[in-house]
Protein backbone atom coordinates (compact mmCIF):
# COMPACT_ATOMS: atom_id res chain seq x y z
CA UNK A 1 0.00 0.00 0.00
CA UNK A 2 1.44 3.39 -1.01
CA UNK A 3 1.41 6.55 1.10
CA UNK A 4 -1.26 7.96 -1.24
CA UNK A 5 -3.41 4.86 -0.73
CA UNK A 6 -3.18 5.33 3.05
CA UNK A 7 -4.29 8.96 2.69
CA UNK A 8 -7.53 7.76 1.01
CA UNK A 9 -9.34 4.91 2.75
CA UNK A 10 -12.40 4.31 4.89
CA UNK A 11 -11.94 5.53 8.46
CA UNK A 12 -10.98 2.81 10.96
CA UNK A 13 -14.47 1.96 12.28
CA UNK A 14 -13.35 0.46 15.60
CA UNK A 15 -11.55 3.74 16.41
CA UNK A 16 -14.31 5.90 14.92
CA UNK A 17 -16.94 4.17 17.09
CA UNK A 18 -15.39 5.81 20.16
CA UNK A 19 -15.69 9.35 18.75
CA UNK A 20 -18.58 11.61 17.89
CA UNK A 21 -19.05 12.50 14.21
CA UNK A 22 -17.50 15.93 14.58
CA UNK A 23 -14.38 14.35 16.09
CA UNK A 24 -14.08 11.92 13.18
CA UNK A 25 -14.42 14.73 10.64
CA UNK A 26 -11.84 16.85 12.47
CA UNK A 27 -9.41 13.91 12.27
CA UNK A 28 -10.08 13.58 8.53
CA UNK A 29 -9.51 17.32 8.07
CA UNK A 30 -6.22 17.19 10.01
CA UNK A 31 -5.02 14.10 8.11
CA UNK A 32 -5.05 11.91 11.21
CA UNK A 33 -7.79 9.80 9.59
CA UNK A 34 -7.78 9.15 5.82
CA UNK A 35 -10.09 10.91 3.38
CA UNK A 36 -12.68 8.86 1.49
CA UNK A 37 -11.23 7.12 -1.59
CA UNK A 38 -13.80 8.79 -3.86
CA UNK A 39 -12.31 12.20 -2.99
CA UNK A 40 -9.08 11.23 -4.76
CA UNK A 41 -10.87 9.96 -7.86
CA UNK A 42 -13.11 13.03 -8.17
CA UNK A 43 -10.58 15.64 -6.99
CA UNK A 44 -12.36 17.18 -4.01
CA UNK A 45 -11.66 17.42 -0.28
CA UNK A 46 -13.15 18.33 3.07
CA UNK A 47 -12.03 21.91 3.72
CA UNK A 48 -13.95 23.06 6.83
CA UNK A 49 -16.01 21.43 9.55
CA UNK A 50 -17.97 22.50 12.59
CA UNK A 51 -21.05 21.03 14.24
CA UNK A 52 -23.93 21.47 11.78
CA UNK A 53 -21.80 22.92 8.94
CA UNK A 54 -19.22 21.47 6.54
CA UNK A 55 -17.50 22.62 3.39
CA UNK A 56 -15.89 20.67 0.58
CA UNK A 57 -13.74 22.18 -2.18
CA UNK A 58 -12.93 20.61 -5.48
CA UNK A 59 -11.85 21.22 -9.03
CA UNK A 60 -13.60 19.45 -11.88
CA UNK A 61 -11.28 18.44 -14.70
CA UNK A 62 -11.40 16.97 -18.20
CA UNK A 63 -11.56 13.53 -16.53
CA UNK A 64 -15.04 14.43 -15.26
CA UNK A 65 -16.65 15.43 -18.58
CA UNK A 66 -19.79 13.95 -20.10
CA UNK A 67 -20.13 13.32 -23.88
CA UNK A 68 -21.26 16.95 -24.42
CA UNK A 69 -18.08 18.35 -22.85
CA UNK A 70 -19.62 19.62 -19.61
CA UNK A 71 -18.81 18.20 -16.19
CA UNK A 72 -20.92 15.10 -15.60
CA UNK A 73 -23.85 15.60 -13.25
CA UNK A 74 -22.52 12.71 -11.18
CA UNK A 75 -19.51 14.82 -10.16
CA UNK A 76 -21.81 17.60 -8.96
CA UNK A 77 -24.08 15.10 -7.20
CA UNK A 78 -21.14 13.39 -5.49
CA UNK A 79 -19.59 16.52 -4.00
CA UNK A 80 -23.06 17.56 -2.79
CA UNK A 81 -23.79 14.09 -1.35
CA UNK A 82 -20.41 14.15 0.40
CA UNK A 83 -21.05 17.54 2.01
CA UNK A 84 -24.66 16.71 2.91
CA UNK A 85 -23.76 13.36 4.43
CA UNK A 86 -20.81 14.77 6.35
CA UNK A 87 -22.88 17.58 7.84
CA UNK A 88 -25.18 14.90 9.23
CA UNK A 89 -22.06 13.07 10.43
CA UNK A 90 -21.03 16.23 12.31
CA UNK A 91 -24.11 15.73 14.49
CA UNK A 92 -23.57 12.05 15.37
CA UNK A 93 -22.93 10.77 18.88
CA UNK A 94 -20.22 8.19 19.63
CA UNK A 95 -21.34 4.79 18.36
CA UNK A 96 -23.62 6.18 15.63
CA UNK A 97 -23.25 5.89 11.85
CA UNK A 98 -25.28 7.21 8.91
CA UNK A 99 -26.10 6.50 5.30
CA UNK A 100 -27.91 8.45 2.61
CA UNK A 101 -31.58 7.49 2.44
CA UNK A 102 -32.82 10.11 -0.06
CA UNK A 103 -31.07 12.78 -2.11
CA UNK A 104 -32.27 15.57 -4.42
CA UNK A 105 -30.00 17.77 -6.52
CA UNK A 106 -30.74 20.73 -8.78
CA UNK A 107 -27.97 21.75 -11.19
CA UNK A 108 -28.69 25.33 -12.21
CA UNK A 109 -25.54 26.05 -14.27
CA UNK A 110 -23.18 23.78 -16.17
CA UNK A 111 -19.76 23.11 -14.70
CA UNK A 112 -16.80 23.04 -17.06
CA UNK A 113 -13.26 21.70 -16.95
CA UNK A 114 -10.88 24.54 -16.20
CA UNK A 115 -13.46 26.61 -14.31
CA UNK A 116 -11.28 26.42 -11.21
CA UNK A 117 -12.10 25.50 -7.66
CA UNK A 118 -15.70 25.27 -6.49
CA UNK A 119 -17.01 25.23 -2.92
CA UNK A 120 -19.83 23.12 -1.56
CA UNK A 121 -21.29 24.13 1.80
CA UNK A 122 -23.88 22.08 3.68
CA UNK A 123 -25.88 22.84 6.81
CA UNK A 124 -28.00 20.63 9.00
CA UNK A 125 -31.75 21.26 8.91
CA UNK A 126 -32.96 18.62 11.38
CA UNK A 127 -31.37 15.88 13.48
CA UNK A 128 -33.78 13.37 14.96
CA UNK A 129 -33.23 9.99 16.59
CA UNK A 130 -33.12 7.94 13.36
CA UNK A 131 -33.27 10.52 10.53
CA UNK A 132 -31.51 13.79 9.73
CA UNK A 133 -31.98 16.28 6.90
CA UNK A 134 -29.54 18.76 5.38
CA UNK A 135 -29.27 21.33 2.59
CA UNK A 136 -26.24 22.24 0.51
CA UNK A 137 -25.05 24.73 -2.09
CA UNK A 138 -22.31 24.43 -4.73
CA UNK A 139 -20.80 27.77 -5.83
CA UNK A 140 -18.02 28.90 -8.14
CA UNK A 141 -15.09 31.06 -7.02
CA UNK A 142 -17.18 34.23 -7.49
CA UNK A 143 -20.00 32.88 -5.31
CA UNK A 144 -22.35 32.14 -8.22
CA UNK A 145 -24.75 29.28 -7.48
CA UNK A 146 -24.07 26.19 -9.61
CA UNK A 147 -26.22 23.59 -7.84
CA UNK A 148 -28.14 22.97 -4.64
CA UNK A 149 -29.59 19.94 -2.96
CA UNK A 150 -31.20 18.33 0.04
CA UNK A 151 -30.61 14.99 1.69
CA UNK A 152 -32.17 12.69 4.26
CA UNK A 153 -29.84 10.32 6.10
CA UNK A 154 -30.66 7.31 8.23
CA UNK A 155 -28.88 7.14 11.60
CA UNK A 156 -28.10 3.73 13.11
CA UNK A 157 -25.62 1.99 15.44
CA UNK A 158 -22.10 1.89 13.99
CA UNK A 159 -21.78 -1.78 14.97
CA UNK A 160 -24.09 -2.52 12.00
CA UNK A 161 -21.05 -1.65 9.82
CA UNK A 162 -18.41 -3.47 11.87
CA UNK A 163 -18.27 -7.15 10.97
């Protein structure tokens, strides 16, 4: 396993189970825990985290284009899903995990390769016992809205993931 491979991997669940979600995200941000492997493939990263708010930054490239030459909607959806899921994660108690249950995205402007870095901010709307909802916004470097979305996540015991 290379150093790069170690920088991108699922978090160690046995260790993560002892921390709240905000603590896990802070360790990812500091590099103490690895970033998700998909972040390497799609060229984005967690850039800020606090309870109830997260930000991802990324730069779409020619590797992310659809047949028409615009950035594939899946890239936009994935950075939004990452931010929306992680903002829910920021609200988790030790021993809790989450997964996306429902996701809605609206792409209001096309993204292009070479457009530079974009920022995706998500905020928590509601955190219940078993469900949480969040909203997020993807903007270009000038603050222009590119896409927005909402997400519902299921919350469950982390031991359901540890086998």
